[in-house]
Amino acid sequence: MFDICKILLACAVAVPFNAALAQSSVVRFDGIGAVRVGMSLPELNKALHASNSRPSDPEERSCYYIDLPNQKAVGVMMLNGRVARVDVDNSVTATMDGVHNGDSEARAIKVYGKRLKIEPHAYSPESGHFLTLLSPDRKFGIRFETEDGKITRYYAGTVNAIAFIEGCQ
Protein backbone atom coordinates (compact mmCIF):
# COMPACT_ATOMS: atom_id res chain seq x y z
CA MET A 1 0.00 0.00 0.00
CA PHE A 2 2.83 2.39 0.91
CA ASP A 3 4.51 1.84 -2.51
CA ILE A 4 1.27 2.61 -4.35
CA CYS A 5 1.00 5.90 -2.46
CA LYS A 6 4.57 6.79 -3.46
CA ILE A 7 3.81 6.04 -7.11
CA LEU A 8 0.59 8.08 -7.07
CA LEU A 9 2.35 10.99 -5.39
CA ALA A 10 5.19 10.86 -7.93
CA CYS A 11 2.68 10.90 -10.81
CA ALA A 12 0.74 13.78 -9.27
CA VAL A 13 3.94 15.85 -9.09
CA ALA A 14 5.37 14.78 -12.46
CA VAL A 15 2.32 15.51 -14.62
CA PRO A 16 2.03 19.24 -13.73
CA PHE A 17 5.83 19.61 -13.92
CA ASN A 18 5.96 18.02 -17.39
CA ALA A 19 3.00 20.12 -18.56
CA ALA A 20 4.71 23.29 -17.31
CA LEU A 21 7.98 22.27 -18.98
CA ALA A 22 6.19 21.59 -22.28
CA GLN A 23 4.40 24.96 -22.07
CA SER A 24 7.74 26.76 -21.52
CA SER A 25 8.96 25.34 -24.85
CA VAL A 26 6.08 26.66 -26.97
CA VAL A 27 6.89 29.63 -29.19
CA ARG A 28 4.16 32.23 -29.62
CA PHE A 29 4.09 35.36 -31.77
CA ASP A 30 5.10 37.37 -28.69
CA GLY A 31 7.63 35.06 -27.02
CA ILE A 32 8.19 31.72 -25.35
CA GLY A 33 7.08 30.57 -21.92
CA ALA A 34 7.40 33.43 -19.44
CA VAL A 35 9.41 35.51 -21.94
CA ARG A 36 7.36 38.21 -23.65
CA VAL A 37 8.32 40.67 -26.37
CA GLY A 38 8.72 44.12 -24.84
CA MET A 39 10.23 42.98 -21.52
CA SER A 40 13.19 44.94 -20.20
CA LEU A 41 16.36 43.11 -19.14
CA PRO A 42 15.41 43.27 -15.42
CA GLU A 43 11.93 41.90 -16.25
CA LEU A 44 13.48 39.13 -18.36
CA ASN A 45 15.91 38.23 -15.59
CA LYS A 46 13.05 38.05 -13.10
CA ALA A 47 11.00 35.81 -15.42
CA LEU A 48 14.00 33.53 -16.02
CA HIS A 49 15.31 33.63 -12.44
CA ALA A 50 18.62 34.71 -13.97
CA SER A 51 21.15 37.52 -13.76
CA ASN A 52 22.03 38.37 -17.35
CA SER A 53 23.71 41.70 -17.98
CA ARG A 54 24.13 44.01 -20.96
CA PRO A 55 27.34 43.65 -22.98
CA SER A 56 30.12 45.98 -21.87
CA ASP A 57 31.00 46.92 -25.47
CA PRO A 58 28.91 50.01 -26.36
CA GLU A 59 28.58 48.83 -29.98
CA GLU A 60 26.89 45.61 -28.84
CA ARG A 61 24.50 47.20 -26.34
CA SER A 62 21.79 48.11 -28.84
CA CYS A 63 21.34 44.50 -30.02
CA TYR A 64 22.51 41.29 -28.36
CA TYR A 65 21.31 37.79 -27.50
CA ILE A 66 20.63 36.02 -24.24
CA ASP A 67 20.50 32.23 -24.20
CA LEU A 68 17.49 30.73 -22.47
CA PRO A 69 18.38 28.43 -19.59
CA ASN A 70 17.22 24.85 -20.12
CA GLN A 71 16.35 25.62 -23.75
CA LYS A 72 19.14 24.37 -25.98
CA ALA A 73 19.71 26.60 -29.03
CA VAL A 74 17.01 29.15 -28.16
CA GLY A 75 18.08 32.78 -27.91
CA VAL A 76 16.32 35.98 -26.96
CA MET A 77 17.16 39.07 -29.02
CA MET A 78 17.45 42.20 -26.91
CA LEU A 79 16.99 45.26 -29.11
CA ASN A 80 17.33 48.73 -27.60
CA GLY A 81 16.94 47.31 -24.09
CA ARG A 82 13.80 45.22 -24.76
CA VAL A 83 13.01 41.66 -25.82
CA ALA A 84 12.35 41.88 -29.56
CA ARG A 85 12.35 38.26 -30.75
CA VAL A 86 13.06 34.62 -29.93
CA ASP A 87 15.35 32.62 -32.24
CA VAL A 88 15.00 28.84 -32.41
CA ASP A 89 17.82 26.72 -33.83
CA ASN A 90 16.86 23.32 -32.40
CA SER A 91 14.40 20.70 -33.64
CA VAL A 92 12.57 20.25 -30.32
CA THR A 93 11.06 23.67 -29.60
CA ALA A 94 7.84 24.13 -31.57
CA THR A 95 5.37 26.89 -32.35
CA MET A 96 1.93 26.99 -30.74
CA ASP A 97 0.72 24.94 -33.72
CA GLY A 98 3.43 22.28 -33.40
CA VAL A 99 5.63 23.37 -36.32
CA HIS A 100 9.37 23.07 -35.68
CA ASN A 101 12.75 22.94 -37.38
CA GLY A 102 13.07 19.84 -39.53
CA ASP A 103 9.43 19.98 -40.65
CA SER A 104 8.76 20.30 -44.36
CA GLU A 105 7.61 23.50 -46.02
CA ALA A 106 4.55 21.52 -47.08
CA ARG A 107 3.64 20.84 -43.44
CA ALA A 108 3.97 24.53 -42.54
CA ILE A 109 1.83 25.48 -45.52
CA LYS A 110 -0.76 22.85 -44.54
CA VAL A 111 -0.85 24.13 -40.93
CA TYR A 112 -0.91 27.87 -41.71
CA GLY A 113 -2.46 27.92 -45.18
CA LYS A 114 -2.91 31.21 -46.97
CA ARG A 115 -1.84 33.14 -43.87
CA LEU A 116 1.79 32.38 -44.82
CA LYS A 117 3.64 34.81 -47.04
CA ILE A 118 6.17 32.84 -49.09
CA GLU A 119 9.24 34.63 -50.45
CA PRO A 120 12.57 33.50 -51.88
CA HIS A 121 15.33 33.26 -49.26
CA ALA A 122 17.69 36.25 -49.50
CA TYR A 123 20.85 34.08 -49.64
CA SER A 124 19.60 30.99 -51.45
CA PRO A 125 16.60 32.00 -53.59
CA GLU A 126 16.88 28.88 -55.80
CA SER A 127 16.54 26.40 -52.94
CA GLY A 128 15.19 28.26 -49.93
CA HIS A 129 12.30 30.40 -48.75
CA PHE A 130 11.11 32.69 -46.02
CA LEU A 131 7.68 31.67 -44.76
CA THR A 132 6.23 34.53 -42.74
CA LEU A 133 3.14 34.36 -40.56
CA LEU A 134 1.77 37.54 -38.97
CA SER A 135 -0.33 37.78 -35.83
CA PRO A 136 -3.94 38.95 -36.30
CA ASP A 137 -2.99 42.49 -35.17
CA ARG A 138 0.05 42.40 -37.53
CA LYS A 139 2.39 43.63 -34.75
CA PHE A 140 4.16 40.28 -34.34
CA GLY A 141 5.15 37.41 -36.56
CA ILE A 142 6.94 34.12 -36.98
CA ARG A 143 9.38 33.68 -39.84
CA PHE A 144 10.58 30.26 -40.93
CA GLU A 145 13.72 29.87 -43.04
CA THR A 146 13.79 26.86 -45.33
CA GLU A 147 16.36 25.10 -47.45
CA ASP A 148 15.53 22.29 -49.91
CA GLY A 149 11.97 22.06 -48.65
CA LYS A 150 12.83 21.80 -44.91
CA ILE A 151 12.55 24.35 -42.12
CA THR A 152 16.08 25.04 -40.88
CA ARG A 153 15.41 27.79 -38.31
CA TYR A 154 12.73 30.19 -37.23
CA TYR A 155 12.16 33.22 -35.08
CA ALA A 156 9.21 35.01 -33.54
CA GLY A 157 8.78 38.57 -32.36
CA THR A 158 8.00 42.05 -33.57
CA VAL A 159 7.46 42.48 -37.30
CA ASN A 160 10.57 44.69 -37.48
CA ALA A 161 12.76 42.22 -35.55
CA ILE A 162 11.80 39.18 -37.63
CA ALA A 163 12.81 41.10 -40.75
CA PHE A 164 16.46 41.07 -39.57
CA ILE A 165 17.85 38.19 -41.62
CA GLU A 166 21.16 38.05 -39.76
CA GLY A 167 19.87 38.76 -36.26
CA CYS A 168 21.90 41.50 -34.62
CA GLN A 169 24.51 41.74 -37.37
C-alpha atoms as a PDB file:
ATOM      1  CA  MET A   1       0.000   0.000   0.000  1.00  0.00           C
ATOM      2  CA  PHE A   2       2.834   2.393   0.905  1.00  0.00           C
ATOM      3  CA  ASP A   3       4.512   1.835  -2.513  1.00  0.00           C
ATOM      4  CA  ILE A   4       1.273   2.606  -4.345  1.00  0.00           C
ATOM      5  CA  CYS A   5       1.004   5.905  -2.456  1.00  0.00           C
ATOM      6  CA  LYS A   6       4.574   6.788  -3.464  1.00  0.00           C
ATOM      7  CA  ILE A   7       3.814   6.042  -7.107  1.00  0.00           C
ATOM      8  CA  LEU A   8       0.587   8.076  -7.069  1.00  0.00           C
ATOM      9  CA  LEU A   9       2.351  10.989  -5.393  1.00  0.00           C
ATOM     10  CA  ALA A  10       5.190  10.863  -7.929  1.00  0.00           C
ATOM     11  CA  CYS A  11       2.685  10.895 -10.805  1.00  0.00           C
ATOM     12  CA  ALA A  12       0.742  13.784  -9.270  1.00  0.00           C
ATOM     13  CA  VAL A  13       3.936  15.849  -9.093  1.00  0.00           C
ATOM     14  CA  ALA A  14       5.373  14.777 -12.464  1.00  0.00           C
ATOM     15  CA  VAL A  15       2.317  15.509 -14.620  1.00  0.00           C
ATOM     16  CA  PRO A  16       2.026  19.239 -13.735  1.00  0.00           C
ATOM     17  CA  PHE A  17       5.827  19.606 -13.921  1.00  0.00           C
ATOM     18  CA  ASN A  18       5.959  18.018 -17.386  1.00  0.00           C
ATOM     19  CA  ALA A  19       3.000  20.122 -18.560  1.00  0.00           C
ATOM     20  CA  ALA A  20       4.712  23.291 -17.311  1.00  0.00           C
ATOM     21  CA  LEU A  21       7.981  22.266 -18.980  1.00  0.00           C
ATOM     22  CA  ALA A  22       6.188  21.593 -22.277  1.00  0.00           C
ATOM     23  CA  GLN A  23       4.403  24.962 -22.069  1.00  0.00           C
ATOM     24  CA  SER A  24       7.736  26.756 -21.518  1.00  0.00           C
ATOM     25  CA  SER A  25       8.956  25.341 -24.846  1.00  0.00           C
ATOM     26  CA  VAL A  26       6.081  26.663 -26.966  1.00  0.00           C
ATOM     27  CA  VAL A  27       6.893  29.626 -29.189  1.00  0.00           C
ATOM     28  CA  ARG A  28       4.164  32.226 -29.620  1.00  0.00           C
ATOM     29  CA  PHE A  29       4.091  35.356 -31.769  1.00  0.00           C
ATOM     30  CA  ASP A  30       5.102  37.365 -28.690  1.00  0.00           C
ATOM     31  CA  GLY A  31       7.635  35.063 -27.020  1.00  0.00           C
ATOM     32  CA  ILE A  32       8.189  31.723 -25.352  1.00  0.00           C
ATOM     33  CA  GLY A  33       7.075  30.569 -21.920  1.00  0.00           C
ATOM     34  CA  ALA A  34       7.404  33.431 -19.435  1.00  0.00           C
ATOM     35  CA  VAL A  35       9.411  35.507 -21.938  1.00  0.00           C
ATOM     36  CA  ARG A  36       7.361  38.207 -23.652  1.00  0.00           C
ATOM     37  CA  VAL A  37       8.319  40.673 -26.367  1.00  0.00           C
ATOM     38  CA  GLY A  38       8.722  44.123 -24.836  1.00  0.00           C
ATOM     39  CA  MET A  39      10.233  42.977 -21.521  1.00  0.00           C
ATOM     40  CA  SER A  40      13.191  44.945 -20.198  1.00  0.00           C
ATOM     41  CA  LEU A  41      16.357  43.110 -19.139  1.00  0.00           C
ATOM     42  CA  PRO A  42      15.406  43.265 -15.419  1.00  0.00           C
ATOM     43  CA  GLU A  43      11.935  41.897 -16.254  1.00  0.00           C
ATOM     44  CA  LEU A  44      13.484  39.135 -18.362  1.00  0.00           C
ATOM     45  CA  ASN A  45      15.907  38.229 -15.588  1.00  0.00           C
ATOM     46  CA  LYS A  46      13.054  38.052 -13.099  1.00  0.00           C
ATOM     47  CA  ALA A  47      11.004  35.812 -15.424  1.00  0.00           C
ATOM     48  CA  LEU A  48      14.003  33.534 -16.023  1.00  0.00           C
ATOM     49  CA  HIS A  49      15.305  33.632 -12.443  1.00  0.00           C
ATOM     50  CA  ALA A  50      18.620  34.708 -13.974  1.00  0.00           C
ATOM     51  CA  SER A  51      21.152  37.517 -13.758  1.00  0.00           C
ATOM     52  CA  ASN A  52      22.031  38.370 -17.346  1.00  0.00           C
ATOM     53  CA  SER A  53      23.713  41.699 -17.983  1.00  0.00           C
ATOM     54  CA  ARG A  54      24.131  44.009 -20.956  1.00  0.00           C
ATOM     55  CA  PRO A  55      27.336  43.652 -22.982  1.00  0.00           C
ATOM     56  CA  SER A  56      30.120  45.982 -21.875  1.00  0.00           C
ATOM     57  CA  ASP A  57      30.999  46.924 -25.466  1.00  0.00           C
ATOM     58  CA  PRO A  58      28.906  50.014 -26.363  1.00  0.00           C
ATOM     59  CA  GLU A  59      28.581  48.835 -29.981  1.00  0.00           C
ATOM     60  CA  GLU A  60      26.889  45.614 -28.835  1.00  0.00           C
ATOM     61  CA  ARG A  61      24.501  47.200 -26.340  1.00  0.00           C
ATOM     62  CA  SER A  62      21.791  48.114 -28.842  1.00  0.00           C
ATOM     63  CA  CYS A  63      21.345  44.502 -30.021  1.00  0.00           C
ATOM     64  CA  TYR A  64      22.508  41.289 -28.364  1.00  0.00           C
ATOM     65  CA  TYR A  65      21.310  37.791 -27.502  1.00  0.00           C
ATOM     66  CA  ILE A  66      20.632  36.017 -24.239  1.00  0.00           C
ATOM     67  CA  ASP A  67      20.503  32.226 -24.198  1.00  0.00           C
ATOM     68  CA  LEU A  68      17.491  30.727 -22.467  1.00  0.00           C
ATOM     69  CA  PRO A  69      18.384  28.435 -19.586  1.00  0.00           C
ATOM     70  CA  ASN A  70      17.220  24.845 -20.120  1.00  0.00           C
ATOM     71  CA  GLN A  71      16.346  25.616 -23.746  1.00  0.00           C
ATOM     72  CA  LYS A  72      19.139  24.375 -25.983  1.00  0.00           C
ATOM     73  CA  ALA A  73      19.708  26.601 -29.030  1.00  0.00           C
ATOM     74  CA  VAL A  74      17.005  29.150 -28.161  1.00  0.00           C
ATOM     75  CA  GLY A  75      18.083  32.780 -27.908  1.00  0.00           C
ATOM     76  CA  VAL A  76      16.318  35.977 -26.958  1.00  0.00           C
ATOM     77  CA  MET A  77      17.162  39.069 -29.018  1.00  0.00           C
ATOM     78  CA  MET A  78      17.449  42.200 -26.910  1.00  0.00           C
ATOM     79  CA  LEU A  79      16.990  45.257 -29.113  1.00  0.00           C
ATOM     80  CA  ASN A  80      17.333  48.731 -27.602  1.00  0.00           C
ATOM     81  CA  GLY A  81      16.940  47.309 -24.090  1.00  0.00           C
ATOM     82  CA  ARG A  82      13.804  45.221 -24.761  1.00  0.00           C
ATOM     83  CA  VAL A  83      13.015  41.663 -25.820  1.00  0.00           C
ATOM     84  CA  ALA A  84      12.351  41.877 -29.562  1.00  0.00           C
ATOM     85  CA  ARG A  85      12.351  38.257 -30.746  1.00  0.00           C
ATOM     86  CA  VAL A  86      13.063  34.622 -29.931  1.00  0.00           C
ATOM     87  CA  ASP A  87      15.351  32.623 -32.243  1.00  0.00           C
ATOM     88  CA  VAL A  88      15.000  28.841 -32.412  1.00  0.00           C
ATOM     89  CA  ASP A  89      17.819  26.724 -33.825  1.00  0.00           C
ATOM     90  CA  ASN A  90      16.859  23.317 -32.402  1.00  0.00           C
ATOM     91  CA  SER A  91      14.398  20.697 -33.641  1.00  0.00           C
ATOM     92  CA  VAL A  92      12.566  20.249 -30.323  1.00  0.00           C
ATOM     93  CA  THR A  93      11.057  23.667 -29.598  1.00  0.00           C
ATOM     94  CA  ALA A  94       7.841  24.133 -31.569  1.00  0.00           C
ATOM     95  CA  THR A  95       5.366  26.894 -32.345  1.00  0.00           C
ATOM     96  CA  MET A  96       1.934  26.992 -30.740  1.00  0.00           C
ATOM     97  CA  ASP A  97       0.719  24.939 -33.715  1.00  0.00           C
ATOM     98  CA  GLY A  98       3.428  22.285 -33.404  1.00  0.00           C
ATOM     99  CA  VAL A  99       5.629  23.369 -36.323  1.00  0.00           C
ATOM    100  CA  HIS A 100       9.375  23.067 -35.683  1.00  0.00           C
ATOM    101  CA  ASN A 101      12.752  22.944 -37.381  1.00  0.00           C
ATOM    102  CA  GLY A 102      13.065  19.838 -39.533  1.00  0.00           C
ATOM    103  CA  ASP A 103       9.429  19.983 -40.650  1.00  0.00           C
ATOM    104  CA  SER A 104       8.760  20.302 -44.355  1.00  0.00           C
ATOM    105  CA  GLU A 105       7.607  23.496 -46.024  1.00  0.00           C
ATOM    106  CA  ALA A 106       4.554  21.519 -47.082  1.00  0.00           C
ATOM    107  CA  ARG A 107       3.638  20.840 -43.437  1.00  0.00           C
ATOM    108  CA  ALA A 108       3.966  24.533 -42.535  1.00  0.00           C
ATOM    109  CA  ILE A 109       1.827  25.476 -45.522  1.00  0.00           C
ATOM    110  CA  LYS A 110      -0.758  22.851 -44.543  1.00  0.00           C
ATOM    111  CA  VAL A 111      -0.853  24.134 -40.934  1.00  0.00           C
ATOM    112  CA  TYR A 112      -0.911  27.867 -41.708  1.00  0.00           C
ATOM    113  CA  GLY A 113      -2.461  27.917 -45.180  1.00  0.00           C
ATOM    114  CA  LYS A 114      -2.909  31.208 -46.973  1.00  0.00           C
ATOM    115  CA  ARG A 115      -1.837  33.143 -43.873  1.00  0.00           C
ATOM    116  CA  LEU A 116       1.792  32.377 -44.824  1.00  0.00           C
ATOM    117  CA  LYS A 117       3.640  34.808 -47.042  1.00  0.00           C
ATOM    118  CA  ILE A 118       6.171  32.837 -49.093  1.00  0.00           C
ATOM    119  CA  GLU A 119       9.244  34.634 -50.455  1.00  0.00           C
ATOM    120  CA  PRO A 120      12.575  33.497 -51.885  1.00  0.00           C
ATOM    121  CA  HIS A 121      15.334  33.261 -49.263  1.00  0.00           C
ATOM    122  CA  ALA A 122      17.692  36.248 -49.501  1.00  0.00           C
ATOM    123  CA  TYR A 123      20.850  34.083 -49.637  1.00  0.00           C
ATOM    124  CA  SER A 124      19.601  30.988 -51.452  1.00  0.00           C
ATOM    125  CA  PRO A 125      16.604  31.995 -53.592  1.00  0.00           C
ATOM    126  CA  GLU A 126      16.877  28.876 -55.799  1.00  0.00           C
ATOM    127  CA  SER A 127      16.538  26.401 -52.939  1.00  0.00           C
ATOM    128  CA  GLY A 128      15.194  28.264 -49.930  1.00  0.00           C
ATOM    129  CA  HIS A 129      12.304  30.398 -48.752  1.00  0.00           C
ATOM    130  CA  PHE A 130      11.110  32.686 -46.016  1.00  0.00           C
ATOM    131  CA  LEU A 131       7.681  31.666 -44.764  1.00  0.00           C
ATOM    132  CA  THR A 132       6.234  34.533 -42.736  1.00  0.00           C
ATOM    133  CA  LEU A 133       3.143  34.362 -40.555  1.00  0.00           C
ATOM    134  CA  LEU A 134       1.769  37.537 -38.971  1.00  0.00           C
ATOM    135  CA  SER A 135      -0.333  37.783 -35.829  1.00  0.00           C
ATOM    136  CA  PRO A 136      -3.938  38.946 -36.301  1.00  0.00           C
ATOM    137  CA  ASP A 137      -2.988  42.489 -35.174  1.00  0.00           C
ATOM    138  CA  ARG A 138       0.052  42.397 -37.529  1.00  0.00           C
ATOM    139  CA  LYS A 139       2.386  43.630 -34.748  1.00  0.00           C
ATOM    140  CA  PHE A 140       4.157  40.277 -34.344  1.00  0.00           C
ATOM    141  CA  GLY A 141       5.148  37.412 -36.562  1.00  0.00           C
ATOM    142  CA  ILE A 142       6.936  34.124 -36.976  1.00  0.00           C
ATOM    143  CA  ARG A 143       9.378  33.682 -39.837  1.00  0.00           C
ATOM    144  CA  PHE A 144      10.584  30.257 -40.932  1.00  0.00           C
ATOM    145  CA  GLU A 145      13.716  29.869 -43.038  1.00  0.00           C
ATOM    146  CA  THR A 146      13.785  26.865 -45.335  1.00  0.00           C
ATOM    147  CA  GLU A 147      16.359  25.098 -47.451  1.00  0.00           C
ATOM    148  CA  ASP A 148      15.535  22.291 -49.912  1.00  0.00           C
ATOM    149  CA  GLY A 149      11.973  22.064 -48.648  1.00  0.00           C
ATOM    150  CA  LYS A 150      12.835  21.797 -44.913  1.00  0.00           C
ATOM    151  CA  ILE A 151      12.550  24.350 -42.121  1.00  0.00           C
ATOM    152  CA  THR A 152      16.076  25.043 -40.876  1.00  0.00           C
ATOM    153  CA  ARG A 153      15.408  27.786 -38.309  1.00  0.00           C
ATOM    154  CA  TYR A 154      12.729  30.191 -37.229  1.00  0.00           C
ATOM    155  CA  TYR A 155      12.164  33.218 -35.075  1.00  0.00           C
ATOM    156  CA  ALA A 156       9.205  35.010 -33.544  1.00  0.00           C
ATOM    157  CA  GLY A 157       8.785  38.570 -32.360  1.00  0.00           C
ATOM    158  CA  THR A 158       7.998  42.054 -33.567  1.00  0.00           C
ATOM    159  CA  VAL A 159       7.458  42.485 -37.296  1.00  0.00           C
ATOM    160  CA  ASN A 160      10.574  44.687 -37.478  1.00  0.00           C
ATOM    161  CA  ALA A 161      12.759  42.218 -35.553  1.00  0.00           C
ATOM    162  CA  ILE A 162      11.797  39.179 -37.629  1.00  0.00           C
ATOM    163  CA  ALA A 163      12.811  41.103 -40.754  1.00  0.00           C
ATOM    164  CA  PHE A 164      16.460  41.067 -39.572  1.00  0.00           C
ATOM    165  CA  ILE A 165      17.847  38.194 -41.621  1.00  0.00           C
ATOM    166  CA  GLU A 166      21.158  38.047 -39.759  1.00  0.00           C
ATOM    167  CA  GLY A 167      19.875  38.758 -36.265  1.00  0.00           C
ATOM    168  CA  CYS A 168      21.902  41.497 -34.618  1.00  0.00           C
ATOM    169  CA  GLN A 169      24.506  41.742 -37.368  1.00  0.00           C
END
